[in-house]
Amino acid sequence: MPEKVFADTRVKGVDSMALKLIKIEPKNEEQYQQFLIDDKDSIWFSDHYEQIKEKYKGKYIAVINEEIFIGNTIEEAESKAKAKYPDREPFVDHIHYKQRILIFS
């Protein structure tokens, strides 16, 4: 099973632009299949970001099974998603009011 490294922006107390890298190594086929299911939510979010950002500026968005849960805080969005899908981990992101551009030198 391949491993996957991705950026987790759900670090409490840290701006969502700060990234924490997490290395995922599924220990068995069941974990790997669950990872693939969860990964579909982040892909769906990316594919629909333009529509989502216009409607939900300033909100936190949790996505499970291509369904959006909205909150004013990360905890609120995540708890709404987990209330409906308690066995799943939602993909969560914050929709900023304005696009940010970071320049590193």
Protein backbone atom coordinates (compact mmCIF):
# COMPACT_ATOMS: atom_id res chain seq x y z
CA MET A 1 0.00 0.00 0.00
CA PRO A 2 1.44 3.40 -0.87
CA GLU A 3 1.94 5.96 1.82
CA LYS A 4 0.52 9.46 1.54
CA VAL A 5 1.92 12.69 2.92
CA PHE A 6 -0.39 15.68 3.04
CA ALA A 7 -0.73 19.05 4.70
CA ASP A 8 -3.18 19.18 7.59
CA THR A 9 -4.41 22.73 8.19
CA ARG A 10 -6.54 21.73 11.17
CA VAL A 11 -4.04 22.83 13.82
CA LYS A 12 -5.96 24.47 16.66
CA GLY A 13 -4.96 28.04 17.38
CA VAL A 14 -2.97 28.35 14.17
CA ASP A 15 -3.98 30.19 11.00
CA SER A 16 -5.17 27.73 8.38
CA MET A 17 -2.31 28.82 6.11
CA ALA A 18 0.15 27.24 8.56
CA LEU A 19 0.72 23.64 7.58
CA LYS A 20 1.49 20.56 9.61
CA LEU A 21 2.77 17.66 7.52
CA ILE A 22 1.42 14.27 8.41
CA LYS A 23 2.67 10.98 7.04
CA ILE A 24 -0.02 8.34 6.72
CA GLU A 25 0.90 4.68 6.46
CA PRO A 26 -2.16 2.42 6.42
CA LYS A 27 -1.51 -0.71 8.45
CA ASN A 28 -3.93 -2.89 6.54
CA GLU A 29 -6.20 -2.99 3.51
CA GLU A 30 -9.23 -1.73 5.48
CA GLN A 31 -7.36 1.40 6.63
CA TYR A 32 -6.11 1.98 3.11
CA GLN A 33 -9.63 1.75 1.67
CA GLN A 34 -10.92 4.17 4.34
CA PHE A 35 -8.13 6.58 3.42
CA LEU A 36 -9.19 6.46 -0.24
CA ILE A 37 -12.81 7.21 0.76
CA ASP A 38 -11.75 10.14 2.95
CA ASP A 39 -9.41 11.46 0.25
CA LYS A 40 -12.37 11.74 -2.14
CA ASP A 41 -13.81 14.51 0.07
CA SER A 42 -10.71 16.69 -0.29
CA ILE A 43 -10.71 16.13 -4.04
CA TRP A 44 -14.42 16.98 -4.23
CA PHE A 45 -13.79 20.16 -2.20
CA SER A 46 -10.99 21.22 -4.56
CA ASP A 47 -13.17 20.57 -7.61
CA HIS A 48 -16.03 22.70 -6.15
CA TYR A 49 -13.97 25.37 -4.38
CA GLU A 50 -15.00 28.26 -6.65
CA GLN A 51 -18.72 27.71 -5.98
CA ILE A 52 -18.16 27.06 -2.28
CA LYS A 53 -16.01 30.15 -1.66
CA GLU A 54 -18.61 32.52 -3.14
CA LYS A 55 -21.37 31.19 -0.90
CA TYR A 56 -19.50 30.57 2.38
CA LYS A 57 -16.91 33.34 2.77
CA GLY A 58 -15.65 33.60 6.34
CA LYS A 59 -17.04 30.19 7.34
CA TYR A 60 -15.50 26.84 8.16
CA ILE A 61 -16.49 24.01 5.86
CA ALA A 62 -16.50 20.31 6.72
CA VAL A 63 -17.05 17.79 3.92
CA ILE A 64 -18.08 14.15 4.19
CA ASN A 65 -19.55 12.13 1.31
CA GLU A 66 -19.63 15.27 -0.86
CA GLU A 67 -21.94 16.91 1.70
CA ILE A 68 -21.06 20.31 3.17
CA PHE A 69 -21.42 21.23 6.84
CA ILE A 70 -21.00 24.93 7.72
CA GLY A 71 -19.78 26.48 10.96
CA ASN A 72 -18.48 29.73 12.38
CA THR A 73 -15.67 27.75 14.03
CA ILE A 74 -13.73 24.66 13.03
CA GLU A 75 -15.28 22.79 15.97
CA GLU A 76 -18.83 23.70 14.91
CA ALA A 77 -18.38 22.54 11.29
CA GLU A 78 -16.62 19.36 12.37
CA SER A 79 -19.23 18.49 15.03
CA LYS A 80 -22.09 18.94 12.55
CA ALA A 81 -20.37 16.56 10.14
CA LYS A 82 -19.57 13.99 12.82
CA ALA A 83 -23.14 14.14 14.15
CA LYS A 84 -24.34 12.74 10.83
CA TYR A 85 -21.29 10.57 10.08
CA PRO A 86 -19.78 9.57 13.46
CA ASP A 87 -17.44 6.97 11.95
CA ARG A 88 -15.83 9.37 9.46
CA GLU A 89 -13.22 12.12 9.68
CA PRO A 90 -14.32 15.19 7.73
CA PHE A 91 -12.17 17.27 5.44
CA VAL A 92 -12.24 20.75 7.04
CA ASP A 93 -11.11 24.11 5.68
CA HIS A 94 -11.73 27.82 6.23
CA ILE A 95 -13.01 30.03 3.43
CA HIS A 96 -11.29 33.40 3.72
CA TYR A 97 -13.07 36.63 2.83
CA LYS A 98 -10.20 37.65 0.56
CA GLN A 99 -7.64 35.61 -1.30
CA ARG A 100 -4.27 35.62 0.41
CA ILE A 101 -1.02 35.71 -1.45
CA LEU A 102 2.10 34.62 0.42
CA ILE A 103 5.53 35.47 -0.88
CA PHE A 104 8.53 33.63 0.50
CA SER A 105 12.07 34.69 -0.15
